[in-house]
Amino acid sequence: MKKTIAAFIFLFAGLTIYAQTINPKYDEALAKTLGADDYGMKPYVLVILKTGENTTASKEETNQAFAGHMENIQRLVKEEKLIVAGPLGKNDHTYRGIFILDVPTIEEAKILVQTDPAVKEKLLAFELFQWYGSAALKEYLPASDKIWKIEP
């Protein structure tokens, strides 16, 4: 009898530990709009930009390609495909920056990245990774547009 009671208590305690908590602040409409799953997450593609193989471009060619790179970033933001972009600090690798693209597949991300003039000119290369992150990341863009004083 004691073993049965102990087993029941152990089982009940185990179920209590693993019980899921429902968020009292959950906004189903917002979650649906952002494409969130039950955990508030969704798939993205992380792009790591690296130094490309073109080391012979003139300063003028490089400047033109990187001006196009910035224009391409703005275009992808307007199309709601690019969520985050930014340079990386100096590192022991050839990593230059990152993008987080709001696309479900590596294939779609590759097509988008290949529209970048700096990638086309092989000044930048890239690696693509599936990434699972907060669906609320998209909410970052409207806020980020309100906090810059000098246009990047």
N, C-alpha and C. Protein backbone atom coordinates (compact mmCIF):
# COMPACT_ATOMS: atom_id res chain seq x y z
N MET A 1 0.83 -1.19 0.00
CA MET A 1 0.00 0.00 0.00
C MET A 1 0.88 1.26 0.00
N LYS A 2 1.93 1.23 0.84
CA LYS A 2 2.83 2.38 0.90
C LYS A 2 3.51 2.61 -0.46
N LYS A 3 3.85 1.49 -1.13
CA LYS A 3 4.49 1.61 -2.44
C LYS A 3 3.52 2.21 -3.46
N THR A 4 2.25 1.84 -3.38
CA THR A 4 1.25 2.38 -4.29
C THR A 4 1.06 3.87 -4.06
N ILE A 5 1.00 4.29 -2.81
CA ILE A 5 0.85 5.72 -2.49
C ILE A 5 2.09 6.48 -2.94
N ALA A 6 3.27 5.93 -2.70
CA ALA A 6 4.51 6.58 -3.10
C ALA A 6 4.57 6.72 -4.62
N ALA A 7 4.16 5.65 -5.34
CA ALA A 7 4.16 5.70 -6.80
C ALA A 7 3.18 6.76 -7.29
N PHE A 8 1.99 6.85 -6.67
CA PHE A 8 1.00 7.85 -7.05
C PHE A 8 1.54 9.26 -6.82
N ILE A 9 2.16 9.50 -5.68
CA ILE A 9 2.73 10.82 -5.37
C ILE A 9 3.83 11.16 -6.37
N PHE A 10 4.69 10.20 -6.66
CA PHE A 10 5.78 10.42 -7.62
C PHE A 10 5.21 10.76 -9.00
N LEU A 11 4.20 10.01 -9.45
CA LEU A 11 3.57 10.24 -10.74
C LEU A 11 2.90 11.61 -10.77
N PHE A 12 2.16 11.96 -9.74
CA PHE A 12 1.48 13.25 -9.67
C PHE A 12 2.48 14.41 -9.69
N ALA A 13 3.57 14.26 -8.92
CA ALA A 13 4.61 15.30 -8.89
C ALA A 13 5.25 15.45 -10.26
N GLY A 14 5.48 14.33 -10.92
CA GLY A 14 6.08 14.37 -12.26
C GLY A 14 5.18 15.06 -13.26
N LEU A 15 3.90 14.78 -13.20
CA LEU A 15 2.96 15.43 -14.11
C LEU A 15 2.87 16.93 -13.83
N THR A 16 2.92 17.30 -12.57
CA THR A 16 2.87 18.72 -12.20
C THR A 16 4.08 19.47 -12.75
N ILE A 17 5.23 18.85 -12.67
CA ILE A 17 6.46 19.48 -13.17
C ILE A 17 6.38 19.72 -14.67
N TYR A 18 5.80 18.74 -15.39
CA TYR A 18 5.76 18.83 -16.84
C TYR A 18 4.51 19.51 -17.38
N ALA A 19 3.63 19.96 -16.53
CA ALA A 19 2.42 20.65 -16.98
C ALA A 19 2.81 21.95 -17.68
N GLN A 20 2.16 22.24 -18.78
CA GLN A 20 2.46 23.46 -19.51
C GLN A 20 1.69 24.63 -18.94
N THR A 21 2.33 25.78 -18.94
CA THR A 21 1.70 26.99 -18.45
C THR A 21 1.22 27.79 -19.66
N ILE A 22 0.00 28.23 -19.63
CA ILE A 22 -0.56 29.06 -20.69
C ILE A 22 -0.32 30.52 -20.33
N ASN A 23 0.20 31.27 -21.28
CA ASN A 23 0.51 32.68 -21.09
C ASN A 23 -0.78 33.49 -20.96
N PRO A 24 -0.99 34.16 -19.84
CA PRO A 24 -2.21 34.96 -19.68
C PRO A 24 -2.22 36.21 -20.58
N LYS A 25 -1.07 36.60 -21.12
CA LYS A 25 -0.98 37.76 -22.00
C LYS A 25 -1.07 37.38 -23.48
N TYR A 26 -1.27 36.10 -23.77
CA TYR A 26 -1.29 35.60 -25.14
C TYR A 26 -2.30 36.36 -25.99
N ASP A 27 -1.86 36.83 -27.15
CA ASP A 27 -2.69 37.56 -28.10
C ASP A 27 -2.75 36.72 -29.38
N GLU A 28 -3.81 35.96 -29.52
CA GLU A 28 -3.92 35.03 -30.64
C GLU A 28 -3.86 35.75 -31.99
N ALA A 29 -4.50 36.89 -32.11
CA ALA A 29 -4.51 37.63 -33.38
C ALA A 29 -3.09 38.09 -33.74
N LEU A 30 -2.37 38.61 -32.76
CA LEU A 30 -0.99 39.05 -33.02
C LEU A 30 -0.11 37.87 -33.39
N ALA A 31 -0.24 36.78 -32.64
CA ALA A 31 0.56 35.58 -32.93
C ALA A 31 0.30 35.10 -34.36
N LYS A 32 -0.96 35.11 -34.76
CA LYS A 32 -1.31 34.67 -36.12
C LYS A 32 -0.73 35.63 -37.16
N THR A 33 -0.84 36.93 -36.92
CA THR A 33 -0.30 37.93 -37.84
C THR A 33 1.21 37.75 -38.05
N LEU A 34 1.91 37.42 -36.97
CA LEU A 34 3.37 37.28 -37.03
C LEU A 34 3.82 35.89 -37.47
N GLY A 35 2.88 34.97 -37.63
CA GLY A 35 3.23 33.62 -38.06
C GLY A 35 3.83 32.77 -36.95
N ALA A 36 3.48 33.08 -35.71
CA ALA A 36 4.05 32.38 -34.55
C ALA A 36 3.44 30.99 -34.37
N ASP A 37 4.27 30.07 -33.91
CA ASP A 37 3.76 28.77 -33.50
C ASP A 37 3.32 28.87 -32.03
N ASP A 38 3.00 27.77 -31.40
CA ASP A 38 2.51 27.80 -30.02
C ASP A 38 3.55 28.31 -29.02
N TYR A 39 4.81 28.32 -29.42
CA TYR A 39 5.87 28.81 -28.54
C TYR A 39 6.25 30.26 -28.85
N GLY A 40 5.53 30.88 -29.79
CA GLY A 40 5.83 32.26 -30.17
C GLY A 40 7.04 32.35 -31.09
N MET A 41 7.39 31.26 -31.74
CA MET A 41 8.59 31.19 -32.57
C MET A 41 8.21 30.91 -34.02
N LYS A 42 9.19 31.06 -34.91
CA LYS A 42 9.00 30.73 -36.32
C LYS A 42 10.37 30.54 -36.98
N PRO A 43 10.40 29.92 -38.14
CA PRO A 43 11.69 29.72 -38.83
C PRO A 43 12.09 30.96 -39.62
N TYR A 44 13.39 31.21 -39.62
CA TYR A 44 14.00 32.26 -40.41
C TYR A 44 15.23 31.65 -41.08
N VAL A 45 15.93 32.46 -41.87
CA VAL A 45 17.23 32.06 -42.38
C VAL A 45 18.25 33.09 -41.92
N LEU A 46 19.29 32.62 -41.26
CA LEU A 46 20.41 33.45 -40.83
C LEU A 46 21.45 33.45 -41.94
N VAL A 47 21.87 34.64 -42.34
CA VAL A 47 22.89 34.79 -43.37
C VAL A 47 24.13 35.36 -42.70
N ILE A 48 25.24 34.69 -42.86
CA ILE A 48 26.51 35.25 -42.41
C ILE A 48 27.26 35.70 -43.66
N LEU A 49 27.51 37.00 -43.72
CA LEU A 49 28.25 37.58 -44.84
C LEU A 49 29.73 37.52 -44.52
N LYS A 50 30.52 37.13 -45.52
CA LYS A 50 31.96 36.98 -45.35
C LYS A 50 32.67 37.76 -46.45
N THR A 51 33.94 38.01 -46.24
CA THR A 51 34.74 38.63 -47.29
C THR A 51 34.73 37.71 -48.50
N GLY A 52 34.48 38.29 -49.67
CA GLY A 52 34.42 37.51 -50.90
C GLY A 52 35.79 37.31 -51.52
N GLU A 53 35.79 36.62 -52.64
CA GLU A 53 37.05 36.26 -53.29
C GLU A 53 37.60 37.36 -54.19
N ASN A 54 36.81 38.39 -54.47
CA ASN A 54 37.28 39.48 -55.34
C ASN A 54 38.16 40.44 -54.53
N THR A 55 39.45 40.36 -54.75
CA THR A 55 40.40 41.24 -54.04
C THR A 55 41.04 42.24 -55.00
N THR A 56 40.55 42.30 -56.24
CA THR A 56 41.16 43.19 -57.24
C THR A 56 40.26 44.35 -57.65
N ALA A 57 39.09 44.47 -57.05
CA ALA A 57 38.16 45.55 -57.40
C ALA A 57 38.78 46.90 -57.03
N SER A 58 38.54 47.88 -57.88
CA SER A 58 39.02 49.24 -57.60
C SER A 58 38.19 49.84 -56.47
N LYS A 59 38.68 50.93 -55.90
CA LYS A 59 37.95 51.61 -54.84
C LYS A 59 36.59 52.08 -55.35
N GLU A 60 36.57 52.57 -56.59
CA GLU A 60 35.31 53.03 -57.18
C GLU A 60 34.32 51.88 -57.35
N GLU A 61 34.79 50.72 -57.82
CA GLU A 61 33.92 49.56 -57.98
C GLU A 61 33.40 49.07 -56.62
N THR A 62 34.29 49.08 -55.65
CA THR A 62 33.90 48.65 -54.30
C THR A 62 32.87 49.61 -53.71
N ASN A 63 33.09 50.90 -53.83
CA ASN A 63 32.15 51.89 -53.31
C ASN A 63 30.78 51.76 -53.98
N GLN A 64 30.79 51.55 -55.28
CA GLN A 64 29.53 51.41 -56.02
C GLN A 64 28.79 50.14 -55.58
N ALA A 65 29.51 49.05 -55.44
CA ALA A 65 28.87 47.79 -55.03
C ALA A 65 28.30 47.90 -53.61
N PHE A 66 29.03 48.56 -52.71
CA PHE A 66 28.52 48.66 -51.34
C PHE A 66 27.40 49.69 -51.21
N ALA A 67 27.37 50.69 -52.09
CA ALA A 67 26.20 51.59 -52.13
C ALA A 67 24.98 50.78 -52.56
N GLY A 68 25.16 49.91 -53.55
CA GLY A 68 24.08 49.02 -53.99
C GLY A 68 23.69 48.02 -52.91
N HIS A 69 24.67 47.59 -52.13
CA HIS A 69 24.42 46.67 -51.01
C HIS A 69 23.45 47.34 -50.02
N MET A 70 23.69 48.60 -49.69
CA MET A 70 22.82 49.32 -48.76
C MET A 70 21.42 49.54 -49.36
N GLU A 71 21.36 49.85 -50.64
CA GLU A 71 20.06 50.01 -51.31
C GLU A 71 19.29 48.68 -51.32
N ASN A 72 20.01 47.60 -51.54
CA ASN A 72 19.39 46.28 -51.55
C ASN A 72 18.83 45.93 -50.18
N ILE A 73 19.56 46.29 -49.14
CA ILE A 73 19.07 46.07 -47.77
C ILE A 73 17.75 46.80 -47.58
N GLN A 74 17.69 48.06 -47.98
CA GLN A 74 16.45 48.84 -47.83
C GLN A 74 15.30 48.23 -48.63
N ARG A 75 15.60 47.75 -49.83
CA ARG A 75 14.57 47.12 -50.65
C ARG A 75 14.01 45.87 -49.96
N LEU A 76 14.90 45.04 -49.42
CA LEU A 76 14.46 43.82 -48.75
C LEU A 76 13.65 44.13 -47.48
N VAL A 77 13.99 45.22 -46.80
CA VAL A 77 13.20 45.64 -45.63
C VAL A 77 11.81 46.05 -46.08
N LYS A 78 11.72 46.85 -47.14
CA LYS A 78 10.41 47.30 -47.65
C LYS A 78 9.56 46.12 -48.10
N GLU A 79 10.20 45.08 -48.63
CA GLU A 79 9.49 43.88 -49.06
C GLU A 79 9.18 42.95 -47.88
N GLU A 80 9.59 43.36 -46.68
CA GLU A 80 9.39 42.59 -45.44
C GLU A 80 10.04 41.21 -45.50
N LYS A 81 11.18 41.14 -46.17
CA LYS A 81 11.95 39.90 -46.24
C LYS A 81 13.16 39.95 -45.29
N LEU A 82 13.66 41.14 -45.03
CA LEU A 82 14.83 41.31 -44.17
C LEU A 82 14.40 41.89 -42.84
N ILE A 83 14.72 41.17 -41.76
CA ILE A 83 14.31 41.58 -40.42
C ILE A 83 15.46 42.27 -39.68
N VAL A 84 16.66 41.73 -39.80
CA VAL A 84 17.82 42.28 -39.10
C VAL A 84 19.00 42.28 -40.06
N ALA A 85 19.79 43.35 -40.00
CA ALA A 85 21.03 43.42 -40.79
C ALA A 85 22.03 44.25 -39.99
N GLY A 86 23.27 43.87 -40.09
CA GLY A 86 24.29 44.68 -39.43
C GLY A 86 25.67 44.08 -39.57
N PRO A 87 26.67 44.95 -39.43
CA PRO A 87 28.06 44.49 -39.54
C PRO A 87 28.53 43.81 -38.27
N LEU A 88 29.53 42.97 -38.42
CA LEU A 88 30.18 42.34 -37.28
C LEU A 88 31.49 43.07 -37.02
N GLY A 89 31.92 43.05 -35.78
CA GLY A 89 33.22 43.63 -35.44
C GLY A 89 34.35 42.76 -35.96
N LYS A 90 35.55 43.27 -35.85
CA LYS A 90 36.72 42.50 -36.30
C LYS A 90 36.72 41.14 -35.62
N ASN A 91 37.10 40.12 -36.40
CA ASN A 91 37.12 38.76 -35.87
C ASN A 91 38.19 37.95 -36.58
N ASP A 92 38.48 36.78 -36.05
CA ASP A 92 39.52 35.91 -36.60
C ASP A 92 39.08 35.18 -37.86
N HIS A 93 37.83 35.33 -38.22
CA HIS A 93 37.30 34.72 -39.44
C HIS A 93 37.19 35.82 -40.48
N THR A 94 36.55 35.56 -41.58
CA THR A 94 36.32 36.60 -42.57
C THR A 94 34.88 37.09 -42.50
N TYR A 95 34.25 36.95 -41.34
CA TYR A 95 32.86 37.34 -41.17
C TYR A 95 32.74 38.86 -41.18
N ARG A 96 31.78 39.36 -41.98
CA ARG A 96 31.61 40.80 -42.13
C ARG A 96 30.29 41.31 -41.56
N GLY A 97 29.22 40.49 -41.63
CA GLY A 97 27.92 40.95 -41.16
C GLY A 97 26.91 39.83 -41.18
N ILE A 98 25.69 40.17 -40.75
CA ILE A 98 24.61 39.19 -40.74
C ILE A 98 23.34 39.79 -41.31
N PHE A 99 22.50 38.91 -41.81
CA PHE A 99 21.11 39.20 -42.14
C PHE A 99 20.28 38.14 -41.43
N ILE A 100 19.08 38.50 -41.03
CA ILE A 100 18.07 37.51 -40.67
C ILE A 100 16.93 37.76 -41.64
N LEU A 101 16.69 36.76 -42.48
CA LEU A 101 15.66 36.86 -43.52
C LEU A 101 14.39 36.16 -43.08
N ASP A 102 13.27 36.81 -43.31
CA ASP A 102 11.96 36.26 -42.96
C ASP A 102 11.45 35.44 -44.14
N VAL A 103 12.15 34.35 -44.38
CA VAL A 103 11.77 33.39 -45.42
C VAL A 103 11.89 31.99 -44.83
N PRO A 104 11.08 31.06 -45.31
CA PRO A 104 11.08 29.73 -44.70
C PRO A 104 12.18 28.78 -45.18
N THR A 105 12.79 29.07 -46.34
CA THR A 105 13.74 28.10 -46.88
C THR A 105 15.09 28.71 -47.23
N ILE A 106 16.09 27.87 -47.19
CA ILE A 106 17.44 28.24 -47.61
C ILE A 106 17.43 28.66 -49.08
N GLU A 107 16.67 27.95 -49.89
CA GLU A 107 16.61 28.23 -51.33
C GLU A 107 16.10 29.64 -51.60
N GLU A 108 15.03 30.04 -50.91
CA GLU A 108 14.50 31.39 -51.09
C GLU A 108 15.49 32.44 -50.60
N ALA A 109 16.16 32.15 -49.50
CA ALA A 109 17.16 33.08 -48.98
C ALA A 109 18.31 33.25 -49.96
N LYS A 110 18.74 32.18 -50.56
CA LYS A 110 19.86 32.23 -51.52
C LYS A 110 19.51 33.14 -52.70
N ILE A 111 18.29 33.03 -53.19
CA ILE A 111 17.85 33.89 -54.30
C ILE A 111 17.90 35.36 -53.89
N LEU A 112 17.43 35.67 -52.68
CA LEU A 112 17.42 37.05 -52.20
C LEU A 112 18.85 37.59 -52.01
N VAL A 113 19.70 36.80 -51.41
CA VAL A 113 21.07 37.26 -51.14
C VAL A 113 21.82 37.50 -52.46
N GLN A 114 21.53 36.69 -53.44
CA GLN A 114 22.23 36.84 -54.72
C GLN A 114 21.81 38.09 -55.50
N THR A 115 20.80 38.83 -55.01
CA THR A 115 20.43 40.10 -55.64
C THR A 115 21.33 41.24 -55.16
N ASP A 116 22.15 40.98 -54.15
CA ASP A 116 23.00 42.02 -53.56
C ASP A 116 24.18 42.31 -54.48
N PRO A 117 24.38 43.59 -54.86
CA PRO A 117 25.49 43.94 -55.75
C PRO A 117 26.87 43.55 -55.21
N ALA A 118 27.09 43.64 -53.90
CA ALA A 118 28.39 43.26 -53.34
C ALA A 118 28.60 41.75 -53.43
N VAL A 119 27.53 40.99 -53.38
CA VAL A 119 27.61 39.53 -53.56
C VAL A 119 27.84 39.23 -55.04
N LYS A 120 27.10 39.91 -55.91
CA LYS A 120 27.28 39.71 -57.36
C LYS A 120 28.71 39.97 -57.79
N GLU A 121 29.32 41.01 -57.21
CA GLU A 121 30.70 41.37 -57.56
C GLU A 121 31.74 40.56 -56.79
N LYS A 122 31.25 39.60 -56.00
CA LYS A 122 32.10 38.71 -55.20
C LYS A 122 32.96 39.44 -54.17
N LEU A 123 32.49 40.63 -53.77
CA LEU A 123 33.14 41.34 -52.67
C LEU A 123 32.68 40.74 -51.34
N LEU A 124 31.48 40.17 -51.35
CA LEU A 124 30.95 39.45 -50.20
C LEU A 124 30.56 38.04 -50.63
N ALA A 125 30.81 37.10 -49.76
CA ALA A 125 30.33 35.73 -49.90
C ALA A 125 29.35 35.50 -48.75
N PHE A 126 28.69 34.36 -48.71
CA PHE A 126 27.70 34.15 -47.66
C PHE A 126 27.56 32.68 -47.31
N GLU A 127 27.07 32.46 -46.09
CA GLU A 127 26.67 31.14 -45.62
C GLU A 127 25.25 31.28 -45.10
N LEU A 128 24.42 30.26 -45.32
CA LEU A 128 23.02 30.30 -44.94
C LEU A 128 22.72 29.19 -43.93
N PHE A 129 21.92 29.54 -42.91
CA PHE A 129 21.55 28.58 -41.86
C PHE A 129 20.08 28.74 -41.52
N GLN A 130 19.37 27.62 -41.33
CA GLN A 130 18.02 27.69 -40.77
C GLN A 130 18.16 28.19 -39.34
N TRP A 131 17.26 29.08 -38.93
CA TRP A 131 17.30 29.63 -37.58
C TRP A 131 15.87 29.71 -37.07
N TYR A 132 15.67 29.34 -35.84
CA TYR A 132 14.35 29.33 -35.20
C TYR A 132 14.38 30.38 -34.11
N GLY A 133 13.59 31.45 -34.29
CA GLY A 133 13.61 32.54 -33.34
C GLY A 133 12.23 33.10 -33.07
N SER A 134 12.18 34.11 -32.24
CA SER A 134 10.92 34.73 -31.86
C SER A 134 10.20 35.32 -33.08
N ALA A 135 8.92 35.00 -33.21
CA ALA A 135 8.13 35.58 -34.29
C ALA A 135 7.96 37.08 -34.10
N ALA A 136 8.15 37.56 -32.88
CA ALA A 136 8.03 38.99 -32.59
C ALA A 136 9.20 39.80 -33.14
N LEU A 137 10.20 39.13 -33.67
CA LEU A 137 11.34 39.84 -34.23
C LEU A 137 10.91 40.86 -35.30
N LYS A 138 9.86 40.54 -36.00
CA LYS A 138 9.34 41.45 -37.03
C LYS A 138 8.89 42.79 -36.43
N GLU A 139 8.51 42.77 -35.17
CA GLU A 139 8.08 43.99 -34.49
C GLU A 139 9.25 44.95 -34.26
N TYR A 140 10.46 44.46 -34.41
CA TYR A 140 11.67 45.27 -34.25
C TYR A 140 11.75 46.36 -35.31
N LEU A 141 11.33 46.06 -36.53
CA LEU A 141 11.50 47.00 -37.63
C LEU A 141 10.79 48.34 -37.43
N PRO A 142 9.50 48.35 -37.08
CA PRO A 142 8.85 49.66 -36.87
C PRO A 142 9.53 50.49 -35.77
N ALA A 143 9.97 49.83 -34.70
CA ALA A 143 10.65 50.56 -33.62
C ALA A 143 12.01 51.06 -34.09
N SER A 144 12.73 50.25 -34.85
CA SER A 144 14.08 50.65 -35.27
C SER A 144 14.04 51.87 -36.19
N ASP A 145 12.95 52.02 -36.92
CA ASP A 145 12.83 53.17 -37.82
C ASP A 145 12.56 54.47 -37.08
N LYS A 146 12.26 54.39 -35.81
CA LYS A 146 11.97 55.58 -35.01
C LYS A 146 13.14 56.03 -34.14
N ILE A 147 14.24 55.30 -34.16
CA ILE A 147 15.32 55.64 -33.22
C ILE A 147 16.62 56.10 -33.88
N TRP A 148 16.71 56.03 -35.23
CA TRP A 148 17.93 56.53 -35.85
C TRP A 148 17.81 58.03 -36.10
N LYS A 149 18.88 58.73 -35.79
CA LYS A 149 18.92 60.19 -35.97
C LYS A 149 19.55 60.54 -37.32
N ILE A 150 20.62 59.81 -37.67
CA ILE A 150 21.32 60.03 -38.94
C ILE A 150 21.14 58.76 -39.76
N GLU A 151 20.70 58.92 -41.00
CA GLU A 151 20.42 57.75 -41.84
C GLU A 151 21.66 56.89 -42.01
N PRO A 152 21.51 55.60 -41.71
CA PRO A 152 22.67 54.70 -41.85
C PRO A 152 23.05 54.47 -43.30
